[in-house]
Amino acid sequence: MRITRVLSTALLALGLAAGPAAADSSPSPSATDDGKAPTRAGTSFRTATEIEQGQQATASGSTGDYLYWSFPADAGQRPTVKATVKLPQTHGTQNWQIDVYDGLRRHQSCQYGAATRTAAEGASSVELACVLRTVRAWSEPWANDPLPGTYYVRLTVVDLGASDLGQPVSAEVRVDSKDIGGAAAVDGSLAEPLVPGVAVKSQAKEDDSKAAVLSSLEPDDGWSSGWWSDRWVWTAIGGMLAALAGIGGYALTRGSGRPSRVPPNV
């Protein structure tokens, strides 16, 4: 009975503690498109159009143009960038590509996905996708790890015939993220997210002027501090299970008391 009571207590504690952790590791719901999604794209890093995760941004342009968007990504997220380019009715073979850069304008490689696709002659559209690595809360200065802050998406054609140059095209871009949670958590955090203009943002507050702030994007619930993750929950669960295992082992090995073959003391 004592062992059964110990095991029941352990299972109850595990169920109560694992509930929040399981919820934290599930994908976060995407932001709904409220009709205010951008309908244009920038032509450089400085003029990149800001979009929120979950928005379906659209833009019109010409083949040969560089189209730029920017979006925020926080620690523990694994962003997925998808783009669809609608091509004119008549065109030759074209190679389209999406590139993603972080707030320091370092190129971020795709973990998987088709970041470069070839549109065959006469194809009506081409779809591209890039799944980034999980955003880390902290990294060494020499590393190229993705860090919290603003990310840039650049869409362009990289191989184009002279006859197709300047033809009208339209593009759709969407960014979604999956929350990885404690599986990708690291110790430490950035002093500030990698957001353009963040160095002059504090000064702008003092001067009551925000003209120097280049980016106002941030997650809906603000930037995470970087120290909390569900790894703390599982560490606590492991400690509790270890303690309960020790109690159970002691209860199994200590026996019921003095062995019957040992005569009582006179």
C-alpha atoms as a PDB file:
ATOM      1  CA  MET A   1       0.000   0.000   0.000  1.00  0.00           C
ATOM      2  CA  ARG A   2       2.804   2.380   0.833  1.00  0.00           C
ATOM      3  CA  ILE A   3       4.511   1.773  -2.541  1.00  0.00           C
ATOM      4  CA  THR A   4       1.193   2.198  -4.373  1.00  0.00           C
ATOM      5  CA  ARG A   5       0.612   5.502  -2.573  1.00  0.00           C
ATOM      6  CA  VAL A   6       4.110   6.721  -3.515  1.00  0.00           C
ATOM      7  CA  LEU A   7       3.636   5.827  -7.193  1.00  0.00           C
ATOM      8  CA  SER A   8       0.196   7.467  -7.279  1.00  0.00           C
ATOM      9  CA  THR A   9       1.662  10.665  -5.857  1.00  0.00           C
ATOM     10  CA  ALA A  10       4.448  10.619  -8.466  1.00  0.00           C
ATOM     11  CA  LEU A  11       2.010  10.162 -11.357  1.00  0.00           C
ATOM     12  CA  LEU A  12      -0.217  12.967 -10.044  1.00  0.00           C
ATOM     13  CA  ALA A  13       2.738  15.358  -9.708  1.00  0.00           C
ATOM     14  CA  LEU A  14       3.947  14.429 -13.200  1.00  0.00           C
ATOM     15  CA  GLY A  15       0.517  15.098 -14.707  1.00  0.00           C
ATOM     16  CA  LEU A  16       0.138  18.469 -13.001  1.00  0.00           C
ATOM     17  CA  ALA A  17       3.626  19.666 -13.960  1.00  0.00           C
ATOM     18  CA  ALA A  18       3.618  18.346 -17.501  1.00  0.00           C
ATOM     19  CA  GLY A  19       0.388  20.126 -18.399  1.00  0.00           C
ATOM     20  CA  PRO A  20       1.842  23.640 -18.739  1.00  0.00           C
ATOM     21  CA  ALA A  21       4.997  22.321 -20.398  1.00  0.00           C
ATOM     22  CA  ALA A  22       3.005  20.532 -23.070  1.00  0.00           C
ATOM     23  CA  ALA A  23       1.034  23.675 -23.724  1.00  0.00           C
ATOM     24  CA  ASP A  24       4.213  25.745 -24.015  1.00  0.00           C
ATOM     25  CA  SER A  25       5.738  23.418 -26.601  1.00  0.00           C
ATOM     26  CA  SER A  26       2.704  23.458 -28.907  1.00  0.00           C
ATOM     27  CA  PRO A  27       2.723  25.720 -31.976  1.00  0.00           C
ATOM     28  CA  SER A  28       1.517  29.216 -31.242  1.00  0.00           C
ATOM     29  CA  PRO A  29      -1.645  30.281 -33.068  1.00  0.00           C
ATOM     30  CA  SER A  30      -0.994  32.436 -36.110  1.00  0.00           C
ATOM     31  CA  ALA A  31      -2.180  35.971 -36.180  1.00  0.00           C
ATOM     32  CA  THR A  32      -5.386  36.382 -38.150  1.00  0.00           C
ATOM     33  CA  ASP A  33      -5.483  38.497 -41.250  1.00  0.00           C
ATOM     34  CA  ASP A  34      -7.561  41.500 -40.186  1.00  0.00           C
ATOM     35  CA  GLY A  35      -7.653  43.094 -43.617  1.00  0.00           C
ATOM     36  CA  LYS A  36      -4.714  45.393 -42.868  1.00  0.00           C
ATOM     37  CA  ALA A  37      -2.061  43.219 -44.454  1.00  0.00           C
ATOM     38  CA  PRO A  38       0.449  45.198 -46.552  1.00  0.00           C
ATOM     39  CA  THR A  39      -0.154  45.385 -50.292  1.00  0.00           C
ATOM     40  CA  ARG A  40       3.296  46.595 -51.305  1.00  0.00           C
ATOM     41  CA  ALA A  41       6.927  45.668 -50.805  1.00  0.00           C
ATOM     42  CA  GLY A  42      10.067  47.663 -50.199  1.00  0.00           C
ATOM     43  CA  THR A  43      12.986  47.899 -52.595  1.00  0.00           C
ATOM     44  CA  SER A  44      15.838  47.756 -50.050  1.00  0.00           C
ATOM     45  CA  PHE A  45      16.584  46.848 -46.441  1.00  0.00           C
ATOM     46  CA  ARG A  46      15.795  50.370 -45.250  1.00  0.00           C
ATOM     47  CA  THR A  47      12.438  50.491 -47.051  1.00  0.00           C
ATOM     48  CA  ALA A  48      11.378  46.901 -46.305  1.00  0.00           C
ATOM     49  CA  THR A  49       7.646  46.621 -45.641  1.00  0.00           C
ATOM     50  CA  GLU A  50       6.870  45.495 -42.086  1.00  0.00           C
ATOM     51  CA  ILE A  51       4.557  42.500 -41.713  1.00  0.00           C
ATOM     52  CA  GLU A  52       3.385  40.536 -38.700  1.00  0.00           C
ATOM     53  CA  GLN A  53       3.600  36.786 -38.474  1.00  0.00           C
ATOM     54  CA  GLY A  54       0.430  35.213 -39.804  1.00  0.00           C
ATOM     55  CA  GLN A  55      -0.319  38.038 -42.260  1.00  0.00           C
ATOM     56  CA  GLN A  56      -0.703  37.383 -45.981  1.00  0.00           C
ATOM     57  CA  ALA A  57       1.249  40.249 -47.566  1.00  0.00           C
ATOM     58  CA  THR A  58       0.892  40.973 -51.273  1.00  0.00           C
ATOM     59  CA  ALA A  59       2.812  43.152 -53.705  1.00  0.00           C
ATOM     60  CA  SER A  60       3.026  43.936 -57.385  1.00  0.00           C
ATOM     61  CA  GLY A  61       6.245  44.482 -59.260  1.00  0.00           C
ATOM     62  CA  SER A  62       8.245  43.678 -62.340  1.00  0.00           C
ATOM     63  CA  THR A  63      10.631  40.852 -63.107  1.00  0.00           C
ATOM     64  CA  GLY A  64      14.095  42.006 -62.110  1.00  0.00           C
ATOM     65  CA  ASP A  65      12.894  43.985 -59.077  1.00  0.00           C
ATOM     66  CA  TYR A  66      14.042  43.231 -55.523  1.00  0.00           C
ATOM     67  CA  LEU A  67      11.092  42.950 -53.135  1.00  0.00           C
ATOM     68  CA  TYR A  68      11.725  43.297 -49.370  1.00  0.00           C
ATOM     69  CA  TRP A  69       9.622  42.577 -46.277  1.00  0.00           C
ATOM     70  CA  SER A  70      10.565  42.463 -42.586  1.00  0.00           C
ATOM     71  CA  PHE A  71       9.045  40.584 -39.650  1.00  0.00           C
ATOM     72  CA  PRO A  72       9.845  39.995 -35.941  1.00  0.00           C
ATOM     73  CA  ALA A  73      10.987  36.620 -34.573  1.00  0.00           C
ATOM     74  CA  ASP A  74      11.578  35.839 -30.904  1.00  0.00           C
ATOM     75  CA  ALA A  75      13.656  33.257 -29.053  1.00  0.00           C
ATOM     76  CA  GLY A  76      12.338  29.709 -29.293  1.00  0.00           C
ATOM     77  CA  GLN A  77      10.522  30.284 -32.597  1.00  0.00           C
ATOM     78  CA  ARG A  78      11.258  28.477 -35.857  1.00  0.00           C
ATOM     79  CA  PRO A  79      10.008  30.806 -38.638  1.00  0.00           C
ATOM     80  CA  THR A  80       8.748  29.486 -41.961  1.00  0.00           C
ATOM     81  CA  VAL A  81       8.703  31.925 -44.889  1.00  0.00           C
ATOM     82  CA  LYS A  82       6.488  31.057 -47.855  1.00  0.00           C
ATOM     83  CA  ALA A  83       6.183  33.009 -51.085  1.00  0.00           C
ATOM     84  CA  THR A  84       4.058  32.577 -54.202  1.00  0.00           C
ATOM     85  CA  VAL A  85       4.889  34.466 -57.384  1.00  0.00           C
ATOM     86  CA  LYS A  86       2.198  34.771 -60.072  1.00  0.00           C
ATOM     87  CA  LEU A  87       3.812  35.045 -63.483  1.00  0.00           C
ATOM     88  CA  PRO A  88       2.584  36.548 -66.765  1.00  0.00           C
ATOM     89  CA  GLN A  89       0.898  34.331 -69.340  1.00  0.00           C
ATOM     90  CA  THR A  90       3.897  34.184 -71.663  1.00  0.00           C
ATOM     91  CA  HIS A  91       7.454  33.978 -70.367  1.00  0.00           C
ATOM     92  CA  GLY A  92      10.588  31.895 -70.607  1.00  0.00           C
ATOM     93  CA  THR A  93      12.225  29.756 -67.959  1.00  0.00           C
ATOM     94  CA  GLN A  94      12.866  31.725 -64.751  1.00  0.00           C
ATOM     95  CA  ASN A  95      14.637  30.963 -61.463  1.00  0.00           C
ATOM     96  CA  TRP A  96      13.125  32.659 -58.392  1.00  0.00           C
ATOM     97  CA  GLN A  97      14.707  32.838 -54.948  1.00  0.00           C
ATOM     98  CA  ILE A  98      13.910  34.029 -51.413  1.00  0.00           C
ATOM     99  CA  ASP A  99      16.683  35.059 -49.023  1.00  0.00           C
ATOM    100  CA  VAL A 100      16.285  35.746 -45.297  1.00  0.00           C
ATOM    101  CA  TYR A 101      18.574  38.071 -43.331  1.00  0.00           C
ATOM    102  CA  ASP A 102      18.660  38.865 -39.615  1.00  0.00           C
ATOM    103  CA  GLY A 103      18.796  42.288 -37.950  1.00  0.00           C
ATOM    104  CA  LEU A 104      22.551  42.504 -38.624  1.00  0.00           C
ATOM    105  CA  ARG A 105      21.837  41.730 -42.298  1.00  0.00           C
ATOM    106  CA  ARG A 106      23.580  38.386 -42.051  1.00  0.00           C
ATOM    107  CA  HIS A 107      22.223  35.829 -44.487  1.00  0.00           C
ATOM    108  CA  GLN A 108      20.421  33.023 -42.678  1.00  0.00           C
ATOM    109  CA  SER A 109      20.496  29.635 -44.338  1.00  0.00           C
ATOM    110  CA  CYS A 110      17.330  27.569 -44.651  1.00  0.00           C
ATOM    111  CA  GLN A 111      17.129  24.464 -42.522  1.00  0.00           C
ATOM    112  CA  TYR A 112      14.980  22.912 -45.224  1.00  0.00           C
ATOM    113  CA  GLY A 113      12.559  24.012 -47.925  1.00  0.00           C
ATOM    114  CA  ALA A 114      12.758  25.107 -51.553  1.00  0.00           C
ATOM    115  CA  ALA A 115      14.238  28.601 -51.331  1.00  0.00           C
ATOM    116  CA  THR A 116      15.096  28.516 -55.053  1.00  0.00           C
ATOM    117  CA  ARG A 117      12.632  27.221 -57.621  1.00  0.00           C
ATOM    118  CA  THR A 118      12.590  27.108 -61.398  1.00  0.00           C
ATOM    119  CA  ALA A 119       9.437  28.218 -63.201  1.00  0.00           C
ATOM    120  CA  ALA A 120       9.126  26.397 -66.490  1.00  0.00           C
ATOM    121  CA  GLU A 121       8.207  28.244 -69.659  1.00  0.00           C
ATOM    122  CA  GLY A 122       4.530  29.234 -69.527  1.00  0.00           C
ATOM    123  CA  ALA A 123       4.039  28.315 -65.845  1.00  0.00           C
ATOM    124  CA  SER A 124       1.388  30.427 -64.121  1.00  0.00           C
ATOM    125  CA  SER A 125       3.093  30.609 -60.730  1.00  0.00           C
ATOM    126  CA  VAL A 126       6.004  29.393 -58.627  1.00  0.00           C
ATOM    127  CA  GLU A 127       6.017  28.636 -54.895  1.00  0.00           C
ATOM    128  CA  LEU A 128       9.000  28.963 -52.563  1.00  0.00           C
ATOM    129  CA  ALA A 129       9.549  28.126 -48.891  1.00  0.00           C
ATOM    130  CA  CYS A 130      12.328  28.559 -46.359  1.00  0.00           C
ATOM    131  CA  VAL A 131      12.290  27.080 -42.842  1.00  0.00           C
ATOM    132  CA  LEU A 132      14.875  28.848 -40.693  1.00  0.00           C
ATOM    133  CA  ARG A 133      16.759  27.423 -37.769  1.00  0.00           C
ATOM    134  CA  THR A 134      15.302  27.961 -34.308  1.00  0.00           C
ATOM    135  CA  VAL A 135      15.905  31.487 -33.003  1.00  0.00           C
ATOM    136  CA  ARG A 136      18.265  31.388 -30.017  1.00  0.00           C
ATOM    137  CA  ALA A 137      18.151  33.681 -26.992  1.00  0.00           C
ATOM    138  CA  TRP A 138      21.936  34.126 -26.983  1.00  0.00           C
ATOM    139  CA  SER A 139      24.946  33.223 -29.110  1.00  0.00           C
ATOM    140  CA  GLU A 140      28.695  33.720 -29.351  1.00  0.00           C
ATOM    141  CA  PRO A 141      29.785  36.839 -31.289  1.00  0.00           C
ATOM    142  CA  TRP A 142      31.563  34.740 -33.919  1.00  0.00           C
ATOM    143  CA  ALA A 143      28.541  32.499 -34.559  1.00  0.00           C
ATOM    144  CA  ASN A 144      25.905  33.029 -37.236  1.00  0.00           C
ATOM    145  CA  ASP A 145      23.012  31.735 -35.140  1.00  0.00           C
ATOM    146  CA  PRO A 146      19.600  33.369 -35.645  1.00  0.00           C
ATOM    147  CA  LEU A 147      18.876  35.750 -32.746  1.00  0.00           C
ATOM    148  CA  PRO A 148      15.719  37.587 -31.602  1.00  0.00           C
ATOM    149  CA  GLY A 149      14.879  40.674 -33.591  1.00  0.00           C
ATOM    150  CA  THR A 150      13.876  41.806 -37.055  1.00  0.00           C
ATOM    151  CA  TYR A 151      14.294  39.527 -40.063  1.00  0.00           C
ATOM    152  CA  TYR A 152      14.272  40.561 -43.706  1.00  0.00           C
ATOM    153  CA  VAL A 153      12.819  38.624 -46.626  1.00  0.00           C
ATOM    154  CA  ARG A 154      14.099  39.350 -50.118  1.00  0.00           C
ATOM    155  CA  LEU A 155      12.327  37.941 -53.166  1.00  0.00           C
ATOM    156  CA  THR A 156      13.815  38.212 -56.638  1.00  0.00           C
ATOM    157  CA  VAL A 157      14.464  36.373 -59.872  1.00  0.00           C
ATOM    158  CA  VAL A 158      18.071  35.232 -60.249  1.00  0.00           C
ATOM    159  CA  ASP A 159      18.053  33.883 -63.807  1.00  0.00           C
ATOM    160  CA  LEU A 160      16.027  35.702 -66.424  1.00  0.00           C
ATOM    161  CA  GLY A 161      16.049  36.102 -70.171  1.00  0.00           C
ATOM    162  CA  ALA A 162      16.349  39.603 -71.622  1.00  0.00           C
ATOM    163  CA  SER A 163      12.930  39.315 -73.273  1.00  0.00           C
ATOM    164  CA  ASP A 164      11.224  38.714 -69.907  1.00  0.00           C
ATOM    165  CA  LEU A 165      12.816  41.645 -68.101  1.00  0.00           C
ATOM    166  CA  GLY A 166      10.280  44.145 -66.776  1.00  0.00           C
ATOM    167  CA  GLN A 167       7.174  42.004 -67.159  1.00  0.00           C
ATOM    168  CA  PRO A 168       4.529  42.492 -64.436  1.00  0.00           C
ATOM    169  CA  VAL A 169       4.328  39.951 -61.620  1.00  0.00           C
ATOM    170  CA  SER A 170       2.521  39.732 -58.297  1.00  0.00           C
ATOM    171  CA  ALA A 171       3.772  38.112 -55.113  1.00  0.00           C
ATOM    172  CA  GLU A 172       2.259  36.776 -51.889  1.00  0.00           C
ATOM    173  CA  VAL A 173       4.398  36.315 -48.764  1.00  0.00           C
ATOM    174  CA  ARG A 174       3.460  34.785 -45.418  1.00  0.00           C
ATOM    175  CA  VAL A 175       5.538  34.076 -42.301  1.00  0.00           C
ATOM    176  CA  ASP A 176       4.505  31.627 -39.579  1.00  0.00           C
ATOM    177  CA  SER A 177       6.452  30.233 -36.630  1.00  0.00           C
ATOM    178  CA  LYS A 178       6.429  27.107 -34.528  1.00  0.00           C
ATOM    179  CA  ASP A 179       7.340  27.450 -30.848  1.00  0.00           C
ATOM    180  CA  ILE A 180      10.076  24.896 -30.151  1.00  0.00           C
ATOM    181  CA  GLY A 181      10.297  25.597 -26.408  1.00  0.00           C
ATOM    182  CA  GLY A 182      12.900  24.247 -24.022  1.00  0.00           C
ATOM    183  CA  ALA A 183      14.349  21.790 -26.534  1.00  0.00           C
ATOM    184  CA  ALA A 184      16.239  24.719 -28.087  1.00  0.00           C
ATOM    185  CA  ALA A 185      16.689  26.858 -24.957  1.00  0.00           C
ATOM    186  CA  VAL A 186      20.141  28.202 -24.056  1.00  0.00           C
ATOM    187  CA  ASP A 187      21.423  30.101 -21.053  1.00  0.00           C
ATOM    188  CA  GLY A 188      21.838  33.855 -21.388  1.00  0.00           C
ATOM    189  CA  SER A 189      19.982  36.526 -23.333  1.00  0.00           C
ATOM    190  CA  LEU A 190      20.662  39.542 -25.535  1.00  0.00           C
ATOM    191  CA  ALA A 191      20.768  43.010 -24.028  1.00  0.00           C
ATOM    192  CA  GLU A 192      18.444  44.146 -26.843  1.00  0.00           C
ATOM    193  CA  PRO A 193      16.821  42.361 -29.801  1.00  0.00           C
ATOM    194  CA  LEU A 194      18.449  42.874 -33.184  1.00  0.00           C
ATOM    195  CA  VAL A 195      16.023  45.566 -34.297  1.00  0.00           C
ATOM    196  CA  PRO A 196      17.115  48.407 -36.596  1.00  0.00           C
ATOM    197  CA  GLY A 197      17.140  51.721 -34.762  1.00  0.00           C
ATOM    198  CA  VAL A 198      17.084  50.178 -31.299  1.00  0.00           C
ATOM    199  CA  ALA A 199      20.269  52.087 -30.386  1.00  0.00           C
ATOM    200  CA  VAL A 200      18.554  55.425 -30.981  1.00  0.00           C
ATOM    201  CA  LYS A 201      15.193  54.332 -29.601  1.00  0.00           C
ATOM    202  CA  SER A 202      16.072  55.142 -25.974  1.00  0.00           C
ATOM    203  CA  GLN A 203      17.369  58.537 -27.030  1.00  0.00           C
ATOM    204  CA  ALA A 204      14.229  59.144 -29.013  1.00  0.00           C
ATOM    205  CA  LYS A 205      12.157  58.561 -25.876  1.00  0.00           C
ATOM    206  CA  GLU A 206      14.041  61.310 -24.065  1.00  0.00           C
ATOM    207  CA  ASP A 207      13.621  63.744 -26.947  1.00  0.00           C
ATOM    208  CA  ASP A 208       9.956  62.801 -27.484  1.00  0.00           C
ATOM    209  CA  SER A 209      10.823  62.159 -31.106  1.00  0.00           C
ATOM    210  CA  LYS A 210      10.589  58.828 -32.906  1.00  0.00           C
ATOM    211  CA  ALA A 211      11.806  59.939 -36.292  1.00  0.00           C
ATOM    212  CA  ALA A 212      15.046  58.004 -35.919  1.00  0.00           C
ATOM    213  CA  VAL A 213      13.337  54.699 -35.105  1.00  0.00           C
ATOM    214  CA  LEU A 214      13.538  52.511 -38.225  1.00  0.00           C
ATOM    215  CA  SER A 215      11.464  49.572 -37.033  1.00  0.00           C
ATOM    216  CA  SER A 216       8.471  49.311 -34.721  1.00  0.00           C
ATOM    217  CA  LEU A 217       7.907  45.569 -35.084  1.00  0.00           C
ATOM    218  CA  GLU A 218       7.785  43.309 -32.059  1.00  0.00           C
ATOM    219  CA  PRO A 219       5.831  40.177 -31.060  1.00  0.00           C
ATOM    220  CA  ASP A 220       2.292  40.664 -29.736  1.00  0.00           C
ATOM    221  CA  ASP A 221       3.312  39.675 -26.196  1.00  0.00           C
ATOM    222  CA  GLY A 222       6.625  41.566 -26.296  1.00  0.00           C
ATOM    223  CA  TRP A 223      10.169  40.239 -26.473  1.00  0.00           C
ATOM    224  CA  SER A 224      10.933  37.322 -24.182  1.00  0.00           C
ATOM    225  CA  SER A 225      13.531  37.753 -21.430  1.00  0.00           C
ATOM    226  CA  GLY A 226      15.452  34.689 -22.577  1.00  0.00           C
ATOM    227  CA  TRP A 227      15.824  32.989 -19.176  1.00  0.00           C
ATOM    228  CA  TRP A 228      12.509  31.101 -18.897  1.00  0.00           C
ATOM    229  CA  SER A 229      11.649  27.946 -20.833  1.00  0.00           C
ATOM    230  CA  ASP A 230       9.800  24.707 -20.173  1.00  0.00           C
ATOM    231  CA  ARG A 231      13.205  23.120 -19.528  1.00  0.00           C
ATOM    232  CA  TRP A 232      12.842  24.433 -15.953  1.00  0.00           C
ATOM    233  CA  VAL A 233       9.592  22.475 -15.593  1.00  0.00           C
ATOM    234  CA  TRP A 234      11.102  19.219 -16.792  1.00  0.00           C
ATOM    235  CA  THR A 235      14.131  19.732 -14.550  1.00  0.00           C
ATOM    236  CA  ALA A 236      11.819  20.079 -11.559  1.00  0.00           C
ATOM    237  CA  ILE A 237       9.898  16.963 -12.648  1.00  0.00           C
ATOM    238  CA  GLY A 238      13.160  15.014 -12.916  1.00  0.00           C
ATOM    239  CA  GLY A 239      14.171  16.060  -9.409  1.00  0.00           C
ATOM    240  CA  MET A 240      10.801  15.028  -7.991  1.00  0.00           C
ATOM    241  CA  LEU A 241      10.915  11.642  -9.715  1.00  0.00           C
ATOM    242  CA  ALA A 242      14.450  11.027  -8.465  1.00  0.00           C
ATOM    243  CA  ALA A 243      13.375  11.780  -4.889  1.00  0.00           C
ATOM    244  CA  LEU A 244      10.301   9.546  -5.172  1.00  0.00           C
ATOM    245  CA  ALA A 245      12.404   6.757  -6.680  1.00  0.00           C
ATOM    246  CA  GLY A 246      14.746   6.963  -3.701  1.00  0.00           C
ATOM    247  CA  ILE A 247      11.837   6.749  -1.266  1.00  0.00           C
ATOM    248  CA  GLY A 248      10.358   3.802  -3.163  1.00  0.00           C
ATOM    249  CA  GLY A 249      13.688   1.973  -3.247  1.00  0.00           C
ATOM    250  CA  TYR A 250      14.133   2.432   0.462  1.00  0.00           C
ATOM    251  CA  ALA A 251      10.613   1.127   1.123  1.00  0.00           C
ATOM    252  CA  LEU A 252      11.316  -1.980  -0.993  1.00  0.00           C
ATOM    253  CA  THR A 253      14.665  -2.847   0.525  1.00  0.00           C
ATOM    254  CA  ARG A 254      14.207  -2.138   4.217  1.00  0.00           C
ATOM    255  CA  GLY A 255      11.813  -5.100   4.738  1.00  0.00           C
ATOM    256  CA  SER A 256       9.155  -5.506   7.405  1.00  0.00           C
ATOM    257  CA  GLY A 257      11.462  -5.299  10.412  1.00  0.00           C
ATOM    258  CA  ARG A 258      13.666  -7.801  12.334  1.00  0.00           C
ATOM    259  CA  PRO A 259      14.093 -11.148  10.500  1.00  0.00           C
ATOM    260  CA  SER A 260      12.260 -14.080  12.124  1.00  0.00           C
ATOM    261  CA  ARG A 261      15.445 -16.168  12.392  1.00  0.00           C
ATOM    262  CA  VAL A 262      17.105 -13.654  14.692  1.00  0.00           C
ATOM    263  CA  PRO A 263      16.200 -14.403  18.318  1.00  0.00           C
ATOM    264  CA  PRO A 264      14.890 -11.494  20.329  1.00  0.00           C
ATOM    265  CA  ASN A 265      17.180  -9.870  22.821  1.00  0.00           C
ATOM    266  CA  VAL A 266      16.812 -11.152  26.368  1.00  0.00           C
END
